[in-house]
Amino acid sequence: MGAAWSGIVYGFAGIVNNADHFSLEPHLPDAWNCVKFRLQLHHCELLF
């Protein structure tokens, strides 16, 4: 299950997280309406 979650978040959501910057470049499959997930980053809880 962890591999599937990572594939969705880092693949389809296009997340790039390094020490200096956090960015997204999403590429959802055409058949998907949306994807929703939470992340803890830099002492913040974010809902995407």
All heavy atoms as atom14 arrays in JSON, in Angstrom:
{
  "sequence": "MGAAWSGIVYGFAGIVNNADHFSLEPHLPDAWNCVKFRLQLHHCELLF",
  "atom14_mask": [
    [1, 1, 1, 1, 1, 1, 1, 1, 0, 0, 0, 0, 0, 0],
    [1, 1, 1, 1, 0, 0, 0, 0, 0, 0, 0, 0, 0, 0],
    [1, 1, 1, 1, 1, 0, 0, 0, 0, 0, 0, 0, 0, 0],
    [1, 1, 1, 1, 1, 0, 0, 0, 0, 0, 0, 0, 0, 0],
    [1, 1, 1, 1, 1, 1, 1, 1, 1, 1, 1, 1, 1, 1],
    [1, 1, 1, 1, 1, 1, 0, 0, 0, 0, 0, 0, 0, 0],
    [1, 1, 1, 1, 0, 0, 0, 0, 0, 0, 0, 0, 0, 0],
    [1, 1, 1, 1, 1, 1, 1, 1, 0, 0, 0, 0, 0, 0],
    [1, 1, 1, 1, 1, 1, 1, 0, 0, 0, 0, 0, 0, 0],
    [1, 1, 1, 1, 1, 1, 1, 1, 1, 1, 1, 1, 0, 0],
    [1, 1, 1, 1, 0, 0, 0, 0, 0, 0, 0, 0, 0, 0],
    [1, 1, 1, 1, 1, 1, 1, 1, 1, 1, 1, 0, 0, 0],
    [1, 1, 1, 1, 1, 0, 0, 0, 0, 0, 0, 0, 0, 0],
    [1, 1, 1, 1, 0, 0, 0, 0, 0, 0, 0, 0, 0, 0],
    [1, 1, 1, 1, 1, 1, 1, 1, 0, 0, 0, 0, 0, 0],
    [1, 1, 1, 1, 1, 1, 1, 0, 0, 0, 0, 0, 0, 0],
    [1, 1, 1, 1, 1, 1, 1, 1, 0, 0, 0, 0, 0, 0],
    [1, 1, 1, 1, 1, 1, 1, 1, 0, 0, 0, 0, 0, 0],
    [1, 1, 1, 1, 1, 0, 0, 0, 0, 0, 0, 0, 0, 0],
    [1, 1, 1, 1, 1, 1, 1, 1, 0, 0, 0, 0, 0, 0],
    [1, 1, 1, 1, 1, 1, 1, 1, 1, 1, 0, 0, 0, 0],
    [1, 1, 1, 1, 1, 1, 1, 1, 1, 1, 1, 0, 0, 0],
    [1, 1, 1, 1, 1, 1, 0, 0, 0, 0, 0, 0, 0, 0],
    [1, 1, 1, 1, 1, 1, 1, 1, 0, 0, 0, 0, 0, 0],
    [1, 1, 1, 1, 1, 1, 1, 1, 1, 0, 0, 0, 0, 0],
    [1, 1, 1, 1, 1, 1, 1, 0, 0, 0, 0, 0, 0, 0],
    [1, 1, 1, 1, 1, 1, 1, 1, 1, 1, 0, 0, 0, 0],
    [1, 1, 1, 1, 1, 1, 1, 1, 0, 0, 0, 0, 0, 0],
    [1, 1, 1, 1, 1, 1, 1, 0, 0, 0, 0, 0, 0, 0],
    [1, 1, 1, 1, 1, 1, 1, 1, 0, 0, 0, 0, 0, 0],
    [1, 1, 1, 1, 1, 0, 0, 0, 0, 0, 0, 0, 0, 0],
    [1, 1, 1, 1, 1, 1, 1, 1, 1, 1, 1, 1, 1, 1],
    [1, 1, 1, 1, 1, 1, 1, 1, 0, 0, 0, 0, 0, 0],
    [1, 1, 1, 1, 1, 1, 0, 0, 0, 0, 0, 0, 0, 0],
    [1, 1, 1, 1, 1, 1, 1, 0, 0, 0, 0, 0, 0, 0],
    [1, 1, 1, 1, 1, 1, 1, 1, 1, 0, 0, 0, 0, 0],
    [1, 1, 1, 1, 1, 1, 1, 1, 1, 1, 1, 0, 0, 0],
    [1, 1, 1, 1, 1, 1, 1, 1, 1, 1, 1, 0, 0, 0],
    [1, 1, 1, 1, 1, 1, 1, 1, 0, 0, 0, 0, 0, 0],
    [1, 1, 1, 1, 1, 1, 1, 1, 1, 0, 0, 0, 0, 0],
    [1, 1, 1, 1, 1, 1, 1, 1, 0, 0, 0, 0, 0, 0],
    [1, 1, 1, 1, 1, 1, 1, 1, 1, 1, 0, 0, 0, 0],
    [1, 1, 1, 1, 1, 1, 1, 1, 1, 1, 0, 0, 0, 0],
    [1, 1, 1, 1, 1, 1, 0, 0, 0, 0, 0, 0, 0, 0],
    [1, 1, 1, 1, 1, 1, 1, 1, 1, 0, 0, 0, 0, 0],
    [1, 1, 1, 1, 1, 1, 1, 1, 0, 0, 0, 0, 0, 0],
    [1, 1, 1, 1, 1, 1, 1, 1, 0, 0, 0, 0, 0, 0],
    [1, 1, 1, 1, 1, 1, 1, 1, 1, 1, 1, 0, 0, 0]
  ],
  "atom14_positions": [
    [[0.81, -1.18, 0.0], [0.0, 0.0, 0.0], [0.86, 1.26, 0.0], [0.53, 2.24, -0.65], [-0.93, -0.01, 1.22], [-1.74, 1.24, 1.3], [-3.42, 0.88, 1.68], [-3.87, 2.39, 2.43], [0.0, 0.0, 0.0], [0.0, 0.0, 0.0], [0.0, 0.0, 0.0], [0.0, 0.0, 0.0], [0.0, 0.0, 0.0], [0.0, 0.0, 0.0]],
    [[1.98, 1.25, 0.71], [2.86, 2.41, 0.75], [3.42, 2.75, -0.61], [3.56, 3.91, -0.97], [0.0, 0.0, 0.0], [0.0, 0.0, 0.0], [0.0, 0.0, 0.0], [0.0, 0.0, 0.0], [0.0, 0.0, 0.0], [0.0, 0.0, 0.0], [0.0, 0.0, 0.0], [0.0, 0.0, 0.0], [0.0, 0.0, 0.0], [0.0, 0.0, 0.0]],
    [[3.73, 1.72, -1.4], [4.26, 1.96, -2.75], [3.2, 2.59, -3.64], [3.51, 3.48, -4.44], [4.76, 0.66, -3.36], [0.0, 0.0, 0.0], [0.0, 0.0, 0.0], [0.0, 0.0, 0.0], [0.0, 0.0, 0.0], [0.0, 0.0, 0.0], [0.0, 0.0, 0.0], [0.0, 0.0, 0.0], [0.0, 0.0, 0.0], [0.0, 0.0, 0.0]],
    [[1.96, 2.17, -3.51], [0.87, 2.76, -4.31], [0.67, 4.22, -3.93], [0.52, 5.08, -4.79], [-0.43, 1.97, -4.11], [0.0, 0.0, 0.0], [0.0, 0.0, 0.0], [0.0, 0.0, 0.0], [0.0, 0.0, 0.0], [0.0, 0.0, 0.0], [0.0, 0.0, 0.0], [0.0, 0.0, 0.0], [0.0, 0.0, 0.0], [0.0, 0.0, 0.0]],
    [[0.67, 4.51, -2.62], [0.53, 5.9, -2.16], [1.67, 6.75, -2.7], [1.45, 7.85, -3.21], [0.48, 5.94, -0.64], [0.18, 7.31, -0.09], [-1.05, 7.82, 0.13], [1.11, 8.31, 0.28], [-0.94, 9.1, 0.61], [0.39, 9.42, 0.72], [2.5, 8.39, 0.28], [0.99, 10.59, 1.16], [3.1, 9.55, 0.71], [2.34, 10.64, 1.14]],
    [[2.88, 6.27, -2.59], [4.04, 7.02, -3.1], [3.94, 7.24, -4.59], [4.27, 8.32, -5.09], [5.35, 6.27, -2.78], [5.59, 6.27, -1.41], [0.0, 0.0, 0.0], [0.0, 0.0, 0.0], [0.0, 0.0, 0.0], [0.0, 0.0, 0.0], [0.0, 0.0, 0.0], [0.0, 0.0, 0.0], [0.0, 0.0, 0.0], [0.0, 0.0, 0.0]],
    [[3.48, 6.25, -5.32], [3.32, 6.39, -6.76], [2.31, 7.46, -7.12], [2.53, 8.25, -8.05], [0.0, 0.0, 0.0], [0.0, 0.0, 0.0], [0.0, 0.0, 0.0], [0.0, 0.0, 0.0], [0.0, 0.0, 0.0], [0.0, 0.0, 0.0], [0.0, 0.0, 0.0], [0.0, 0.0, 0.0], [0.0, 0.0, 0.0], [0.0, 0.0, 0.0]],
    [[1.23, 7.54, -6.37], [0.21, 8.56, -6.63], [0.73, 9.95, -6.26], [0.65, 10.88, -7.05], [-1.09, 8.24, -5.86], [-1.76, 7.0, -6.47], [-2.05, 9.43, -5.87], [-2.89, 6.44, -5.65], [0.0, 0.0, 0.0], [0.0, 0.0, 0.0], [0.0, 0.0, 0.0], [0.0, 0.0, 0.0], [0.0, 0.0, 0.0], [0.0, 0.0, 0.0]],
    [[1.29, 10.08, -5.07], [1.71, 11.39, -4.59], [2.92, 11.93, -5.35], [2.94, 13.08, -5.77], [1.98, 11.33, -3.07], [2.62, 12.61, -2.58], [0.67, 11.08, -2.33], [0.0, 0.0, 0.0], [0.0, 0.0, 0.0], [0.0, 0.0, 0.0], [0.0, 0.0, 0.0], [0.0, 0.0, 0.0], [0.0, 0.0, 0.0], [0.0, 0.0, 0.0]],
    [[3.92, 11.09, -5.55], [5.11, 11.57, -6.23], [4.99, 11.47, -7.75], [5.63, 12.23, -8.47], [6.35, 10.82, -5.74], [6.73, 11.23, -4.35], [6.33, 10.47, -3.25], [7.44, 12.4, -4.12], [6.66, 10.87, -1.96], [7.77, 12.8, -2.84], [7.38, 12.03, -1.76], [7.69, 12.42, -0.49], [0.0, 0.0, 0.0], [0.0, 0.0, 0.0]],
    [[4.15, 10.59, -8.23], [3.97, 10.45, -9.67], [2.88, 11.35, -10.21], [3.15, 12.38, -10.83], [0.0, 0.0, 0.0], [0.0, 0.0, 0.0], [0.0, 0.0, 0.0], [0.0, 0.0, 0.0], [0.0, 0.0, 0.0], [0.0, 0.0, 0.0], [0.0, 0.0, 0.0], [0.0, 0.0, 0.0], [0.0, 0.0, 0.0], [0.0, 0.0, 0.0]],
    [[1.62, 11.01, -9.94], [0.5, 11.76, -10.48], [0.39, 13.18, -9.91], [0.04, 14.12, -10.62], [-0.82, 11.03, -10.28], [-0.88, 9.71, -10.99], [-1.32, 8.57, -10.34], [-0.52, 9.61, -12.32], [-1.39, 7.35, -10.99], [-0.59, 8.4, -13.0], [-1.02, 7.26, -12.32], [0.0, 0.0, 0.0], [0.0, 0.0, 0.0], [0.0, 0.0, 0.0]],
    [[0.67, 13.35, -8.62], [0.62, 14.69, -8.03], [1.86, 15.51, -8.4], [1.84, 16.72, -8.3], [0.48, 14.6, -6.52], [0.0, 0.0, 0.0], [0.0, 0.0, 0.0], [0.0, 0.0, 0.0], [0.0, 0.0, 0.0], [0.0, 0.0, 0.0], [0.0, 0.0, 0.0], [0.0, 0.0, 0.0], [0.0, 0.0, 0.0], [0.0, 0.0, 0.0]],
    [[2.91, 14.85, -8.82], [4.11, 15.55, -9.28], [4.86, 16.29, -8.18], [5.42, 17.35, -8.4], [0.0, 0.0, 0.0], [0.0, 0.0, 0.0], [0.0, 0.0, 0.0], [0.0, 0.0, 0.0], [0.0, 0.0, 0.0], [0.0, 0.0, 0.0], [0.0, 0.0, 0.0], [0.0, 0.0, 0.0], [0.0, 0.0, 0.0], [0.0, 0.0, 0.0]],
    [[4.89, 15.72, -6.99], [5.54, 16.38, -5.86], [7.05, 16.29, -5.97], [7.61, 15.24, -6.25], [5.06, 15.76, -4.53], [3.64, 16.18, -4.28], [5.97, 16.16, -3.38], [3.05, 15.66, -3.02], [0.0, 0.0, 0.0], [0.0, 0.0, 0.0], [0.0, 0.0, 0.0], [0.0, 0.0, 0.0], [0.0, 0.0, 0.0], [0.0, 0.0, 0.0]],
    [[7.69, 17.44, -5.73], [9.14, 17.52, -5.6], [9.39, 18.21, -4.27], [8.97, 19.35, -4.06], [9.79, 18.32, -6.76], [11.28, 18.45, -6.53], [9.49, 17.66, -8.09], [0.0, 0.0, 0.0], [0.0, 0.0, 0.0], [0.0, 0.0, 0.0], [0.0, 0.0, 0.0], [0.0, 0.0, 0.0], [0.0, 0.0, 0.0], [0.0, 0.0, 0.0]],
    [[10.06, 17.52, -3.35], [10.32, 18.07, -2.03], [11.81, 17.96, -1.74], [12.35, 16.87, -1.67], [9.51, 17.31, -0.98], [9.63, 17.92, 0.39], [9.98, 19.08, 0.55], [9.34, 17.14, 1.41], [0.0, 0.0, 0.0], [0.0, 0.0, 0.0], [0.0, 0.0, 0.0], [0.0, 0.0, 0.0], [0.0, 0.0, 0.0], [0.0, 0.0, 0.0]],
    [[12.46, 19.11, -1.64], [13.85, 19.09, -1.19], [13.97, 20.02, 0.0], [12.98, 20.61, 0.44], [14.81, 19.46, -2.34], [14.57, 20.84, -2.89], [14.32, 21.78, -2.14], [14.63, 20.97, -4.2], [0.0, 0.0, 0.0], [0.0, 0.0, 0.0], [0.0, 0.0, 0.0], [0.0, 0.0, 0.0], [0.0, 0.0, 0.0], [0.0, 0.0, 0.0]],
    [[15.14, 20.2, 0.53], [15.32, 20.97, 1.76], [14.93, 22.43, 1.6], [14.51, 23.07, 2.56], [16.77, 20.87, 2.22], [0.0, 0.0, 0.0], [0.0, 0.0, 0.0], [0.0, 0.0, 0.0], [0.0, 0.0, 0.0], [0.0, 0.0, 0.0], [0.0, 0.0, 0.0], [0.0, 0.0, 0.0], [0.0, 0.0, 0.0], [0.0, 0.0, 0.0]],
    [[15.03, 22.98, 0.4], [14.78, 24.41, 0.19], [13.41, 24.74, -0.35], [12.93, 25.86, -0.19], [15.82, 24.98, -0.78], [17.22, 24.88, -0.23], [17.38, 24.99, 1.0], [18.14, 24.66, -1.03], [0.0, 0.0, 0.0], [0.0, 0.0, 0.0], [0.0, 0.0, 0.0], [0.0, 0.0, 0.0], [0.0, 0.0, 0.0], [0.0, 0.0, 0.0]],
    [[12.76, 23.78, -1.02], [11.57, 24.14, -1.77], [10.64, 22.93, -1.94], [11.1, 21.81, -2.09], [11.99, 24.66, -3.16], [10.88, 25.24, -3.94], [10.26, 26.42, -3.59], [10.25, 24.81, -5.05], [9.31, 26.68, -4.48], [9.28, 25.72, -5.36], [0.0, 0.0, 0.0], [0.0, 0.0, 0.0], [0.0, 0.0, 0.0], [0.0, 0.0, 0.0]],
    [[9.34, 23.2, -1.93], [8.33, 22.17, -2.17], [7.5, 22.62, -3.37], [7.05, 23.76, -3.42], [7.42, 22.01, -0.94], [6.36, 20.98, -1.13], [6.63, 19.65, -0.91], [5.1, 21.34, -1.56], [5.65, 18.69, -1.1], [4.12, 20.39, -1.75], [4.41, 19.06, -1.52], [0.0, 0.0, 0.0], [0.0, 0.0, 0.0], [0.0, 0.0, 0.0]],
    [[7.33, 21.72, -4.33], [6.56, 22.09, -5.53], [5.73, 20.92, -6.02], [5.98, 19.76, -5.67], [7.5, 22.57, -6.64], [8.34, 21.52, -7.06], [0.0, 0.0, 0.0], [0.0, 0.0, 0.0], [0.0, 0.0, 0.0], [0.0, 0.0, 0.0], [0.0, 0.0, 0.0], [0.0, 0.0, 0.0], [0.0, 0.0, 0.0], [0.0, 0.0, 0.0]],
    [[4.73, 21.26, -6.83], [3.86, 20.26, -7.47], [3.78, 20.57, -8.95], [3.69, 21.72, -9.35], [2.44, 20.33, -6.91], [2.2, 19.88, -5.49], [2.18, 21.07, -4.58], [0.89, 19.16, -5.42], [0.0, 0.0, 0.0], [0.0, 0.0, 0.0], [0.0, 0.0, 0.0], [0.0, 0.0, 0.0], [0.0, 0.0, 0.0], [0.0, 0.0, 0.0]],
    [[3.77, 19.5, -9.73], [3.49, 19.57, -11.16], [2.61, 18.38, -11.5], [3.07, 17.37, -12.01], [4.79, 19.57, -11.97], [5.62, 20.81, -11.75], [6.81, 20.92, -12.69], [6.91, 20.1, -13.63], [7.61, 21.83, -12.48], [0.0, 0.0, 0.0], [0.0, 0.0, 0.0], [0.0, 0.0, 0.0], [0.0, 0.0, 0.0], [0.0, 0.0, 0.0]],
    [[1.3, 18.5, -11.19], [0.39, 17.37, -11.31], [0.17, 16.89, -12.75], [0.18, 17.7, -13.69], [-0.93, 17.89, -10.76], [-0.59, 19.13, -10.02], [0.64, 19.67, -10.63], [0.0, 0.0, 0.0], [0.0, 0.0, 0.0], [0.0, 0.0, 0.0], [0.0, 0.0, 0.0], [0.0, 0.0, 0.0], [0.0, 0.0, 0.0], [0.0, 0.0, 0.0]],
    [[-0.02, 15.59, -12.87], [-0.34, 14.94, -14.15], [-1.33, 13.82, -13.85], [-0.96, 12.65, -13.84], [0.91, 14.36, -14.81], [2.0, 15.36, -15.04], [1.95, 16.27, -16.06], [3.14, 15.59, -14.38], [3.03, 17.02, -16.02], [3.77, 16.63, -15.01], [0.0, 0.0, 0.0], [0.0, 0.0, 0.0], [0.0, 0.0, 0.0], [0.0, 0.0, 0.0]],
    [[-2.58, 14.18, -13.58], [-3.58, 13.16, -13.27], [-3.98, 12.41, -14.53], [-4.05, 13.0, -15.61], [-4.84, 13.8, -12.68], [-4.75, 14.41, -11.3], [-6.14, 14.85, -10.85], [-4.15, 13.47, -10.3], [0.0, 0.0, 0.0], [0.0, 0.0, 0.0], [0.0, 0.0, 0.0], [0.0, 0.0, 0.0], [0.0, 0.0, 0.0], [0.0, 0.0, 0.0]],
    [[-4.26, 11.12, -14.4], [-4.8, 10.38, -15.55], [-6.12, 11.01, -15.99], [-6.87, 11.55, -15.16], [-5.02, 8.96, -14.99], [-4.13, 8.86, -13.81], [-4.05, 10.25, -13.24], [0.0, 0.0, 0.0], [0.0, 0.0, 0.0], [0.0, 0.0, 0.0], [0.0, 0.0, 0.0], [0.0, 0.0, 0.0], [0.0, 0.0, 0.0], [0.0, 0.0, 0.0]],
    [[-6.42, 10.97, -17.26], [-7.64, 11.57, -17.8], [-8.91, 11.05, -17.13], [-9.88, 11.79, -16.97], [-7.73, 11.34, -19.3], [-6.7, 12.13, -20.08], [-6.21, 13.16, -19.56], [-6.38, 11.73, -21.21], [0.0, 0.0, 0.0], [0.0, 0.0, 0.0], [0.0, 0.0, 0.0], [0.0, 0.0, 0.0], [0.0, 0.0, 0.0], [0.0, 0.0, 0.0]],
    [[-8.91, 9.8, -16.71], [-10.09, 9.19, -16.12], [-10.33, 9.63, -14.67], [-11.38, 9.36, -14.11], [-9.98, 7.67, -16.18], [0.0, 0.0, 0.0], [0.0, 0.0, 0.0], [0.0, 0.0, 0.0], [0.0, 0.0, 0.0], [0.0, 0.0, 0.0], [0.0, 0.0, 0.0], [0.0, 0.0, 0.0], [0.0, 0.0, 0.0], [0.0, 0.0, 0.0]],
    [[-9.35, 10.3, -14.04], [-9.48, 10.71, -12.65], [-10.05, 12.13, -12.57], [-9.59, 13.03, -13.27], [-8.13, 10.7, -11.96], [-7.54, 9.35, -11.73], [-7.87, 8.19, -12.35], [-6.49, 9.04, -10.83], [-7.09, 7.17, -11.89], [-6.23, 7.66, -10.95], [-5.74, 9.78, -9.94], [-5.25, 7.02, -10.21], [-4.76, 9.14, -9.2], [-4.53, 7.77, -9.34]],
    [[-11.02, 12.34, -11.68], [-11.53, 13.68, -11.42], [-10.61, 14.46, -10.49], [-10.37, 15.64, -10.69], [-12.93, 13.63, -10.81], [-13.95, 13.09, -11.78], [-13.84, 13.32, -12.97], [-14.92, 12.37, -11.27], [0.0, 0.0, 0.0], [0.0, 0.0, 0.0], [0.0, 0.0, 0.0], [0.0, 0.0, 0.0], [0.0, 0.0, 0.0], [0.0, 0.0, 0.0]],
    [[-10.15, 13.79, -9.43], [-9.26, 14.45, -8.48], [-8.57, 13.42, -7.61], [-8.95, 12.25, -7.6], [-10.01, 15.46, -7.62], [-11.07, 14.73, -6.37], [0.0, 0.0, 0.0], [0.0, 0.0, 0.0], [0.0, 0.0, 0.0], [0.0, 0.0, 0.0], [0.0, 0.0, 0.0], [0.0, 0.0, 0.0], [0.0, 0.0, 0.0], [0.0, 0.0, 0.0]],
    [[-7.58, 13.88, -6.88], [-6.93, 13.08, -5.84], [-6.73, 14.02, -4.65], [-6.45, 15.21, -4.81], [-5.59, 12.46, -6.33], [-4.56, 13.52, -6.68], [-5.04, 11.49, -5.32], [0.0, 0.0, 0.0], [0.0, 0.0, 0.0], [0.0, 0.0, 0.0], [0.0, 0.0, 0.0], [0.0, 0.0, 0.0], [0.0, 0.0, 0.0], [0.0, 0.0, 0.0]],
    [[-6.97, 13.48, -3.45], [-6.89, 14.28, -2.22], [-6.01, 13.53, -1.22], [-6.18, 12.32, -1.04], [-8.29, 14.48, -1.66], [-8.36, 15.36, -0.43], [-9.78, 15.44, 0.1], [-10.46, 16.66, -0.49], [-11.75, 16.96, 0.18], [0.0, 0.0, 0.0], [0.0, 0.0, 0.0], [0.0, 0.0, 0.0], [0.0, 0.0, 0.0], [0.0, 0.0, 0.0]],
    [[-5.11, 14.27, -0.57], [-4.23, 13.65, 0.43], [-3.7, 14.71, 1.37], [-3.73, 15.91, 1.07], [-3.07, 12.9, -0.24], [-2.25, 13.74, -1.18], [-1.14, 14.44, -0.72], [-2.58, 13.84, -2.51], [-0.4, 15.22, -1.57], [-1.83, 14.61, -3.38], [-0.74, 15.31, -2.91], [0.0, 0.0, 0.0], [0.0, 0.0, 0.0], [0.0, 0.0, 0.0]],
    [[-3.23, 14.25, 2.53], [-2.61, 15.13, 3.53], [-1.12, 14.81, 3.61], [-0.72, 13.66, 3.47], [-3.22, 14.9, 4.91], [-4.63, 15.36, 5.03], [-5.17, 15.04, 6.42], [-6.57, 15.35, 6.5], [-7.07, 16.29, 7.27], [-6.29, 17.01, 8.05], [-8.37, 16.53, 7.27], [0.0, 0.0, 0.0], [0.0, 0.0, 0.0], [0.0, 0.0, 0.0]],
    [[-0.35, 15.86, 3.9], [1.09, 15.71, 4.12], [1.52, 16.57, 5.29], [0.97, 17.65, 5.52], [1.89, 16.17, 2.89], [1.93, 15.29, 1.66], [2.75, 15.98, 0.57], [2.5, 13.92, 1.97], [0.0, 0.0, 0.0], [0.0, 0.0, 0.0], [0.0, 0.0, 0.0], [0.0, 0.0, 0.0], [0.0, 0.0, 0.0], [0.0, 0.0, 0.0]],
    [[2.52, 16.08, 6.02], [3.2, 16.87, 7.05], [4.49, 17.38, 6.42], [5.34, 16.59, 6.01], [3.53, 15.99, 8.26], [2.35, 15.51, 9.03], [1.81, 16.56, 9.98], [2.48, 17.52, 10.35], [0.56, 16.39, 10.37], [0.0, 0.0, 0.0], [0.0, 0.0, 0.0], [0.0, 0.0, 0.0], [0.0, 0.0, 0.0], [0.0, 0.0, 0.0]],
    [[4.62, 18.7, 6.33], [5.8, 19.32, 5.73], [6.22, 20.53, 6.56], [5.39, 21.38, 6.85], [5.51, 19.8, 4.3], [5.17, 18.75, 3.27], [4.58, 19.41, 2.04], [6.42, 17.98, 2.91], [0.0, 0.0, 0.0], [0.0, 0.0, 0.0], [0.0, 0.0, 0.0], [0.0, 0.0, 0.0], [0.0, 0.0, 0.0], [0.0, 0.0, 0.0]],
    [[7.48, 20.59, 6.91], [8.03, 21.78, 7.59], [7.15, 22.21, 8.76], [6.78, 23.37, 8.9], [8.21, 22.93, 6.59], [9.02, 22.55, 5.39], [10.38, 22.38, 5.45], [8.65, 22.3, 4.12], [10.83, 22.04, 4.25], [9.79, 21.97, 3.43], [0.0, 0.0, 0.0], [0.0, 0.0, 0.0], [0.0, 0.0, 0.0], [0.0, 0.0, 0.0]],
    [[6.77, 21.25, 9.59], [5.94, 21.49, 10.79], [4.54, 21.99, 10.46], [3.91, 22.66, 11.29], [6.65, 22.44, 11.75], [8.03, 22.01, 12.11], [8.29, 20.91, 12.89], [9.23, 22.52, 11.75], [9.59, 20.76, 13.0], [10.18, 21.73, 12.33], [0.0, 0.0, 0.0], [0.0, 0.0, 0.0], [0.0, 0.0, 0.0], [0.0, 0.0, 0.0]],
    [[4.05, 21.69, 9.28], [2.69, 22.05, 8.86], [1.96, 20.8, 8.38], [2.57, 19.94, 7.76], [2.73, 23.05, 7.7], [3.46, 24.63, 8.1], [0.0, 0.0, 0.0], [0.0, 0.0, 0.0], [0.0, 0.0, 0.0], [0.0, 0.0, 0.0], [0.0, 0.0, 0.0], [0.0, 0.0, 0.0], [0.0, 0.0, 0.0], [0.0, 0.0, 0.0]],
    [[0.67, 20.75, 8.66], [-0.17, 19.71, 8.07], [-0.96, 20.38, 6.94], [-1.65, 21.37, 7.16], [-1.13, 19.12, 9.08], [-2.0, 18.03, 8.47], [-3.0, 17.44, 9.43], [-3.07, 17.89, 10.6], [-3.75, 16.53, 9.02], [0.0, 0.0, 0.0], [0.0, 0.0, 0.0], [0.0, 0.0, 0.0], [0.0, 0.0, 0.0], [0.0, 0.0, 0.0]],
    [[-0.82, 19.85, 5.74], [-1.45, 20.41, 4.56], [-2.39, 19.39, 3.93], [-2.08, 18.2, 3.87], [-0.4, 20.81, 3.53], [0.62, 21.84, 3.99], [1.78, 21.89, 3.03], [-0.01, 23.19, 4.14], [0.0, 0.0, 0.0], [0.0, 0.0, 0.0], [0.0, 0.0, 0.0], [0.0, 0.0, 0.0], [0.0, 0.0, 0.0], [0.0, 0.0, 0.0]],
    [[-3.54, 19.88, 3.45], [-4.48, 19.06, 2.7], [-4.42, 19.51, 1.24], [-4.64, 20.69, 0.94], [-5.9, 19.24, 3.24], [-7.01, 18.54, 2.46], [-6.84, 17.02, 2.49], [-8.37, 18.95, 3.02], [0.0, 0.0, 0.0], [0.0, 0.0, 0.0], [0.0, 0.0, 0.0], [0.0, 0.0, 0.0], [0.0, 0.0, 0.0], [0.0, 0.0, 0.0]],
    [[-4.1, 18.59, 0.36], [-4.02, 18.87, -1.07], [-5.2, 18.22, -1.77], [-5.5, 17.05, -1.54], [-2.73, 18.28, -1.67], [-1.48, 18.93, -1.18], [-0.84, 18.47, -0.06], [-0.95, 20.02, -1.85], [0.32, 19.07, 0.4], [0.21, 20.62, -1.42], [0.84, 20.15, -0.28], [0.0, 0.0, 0.0], [0.0, 0.0, 0.0], [0.0, 0.0, 0.0]]
  ]
}
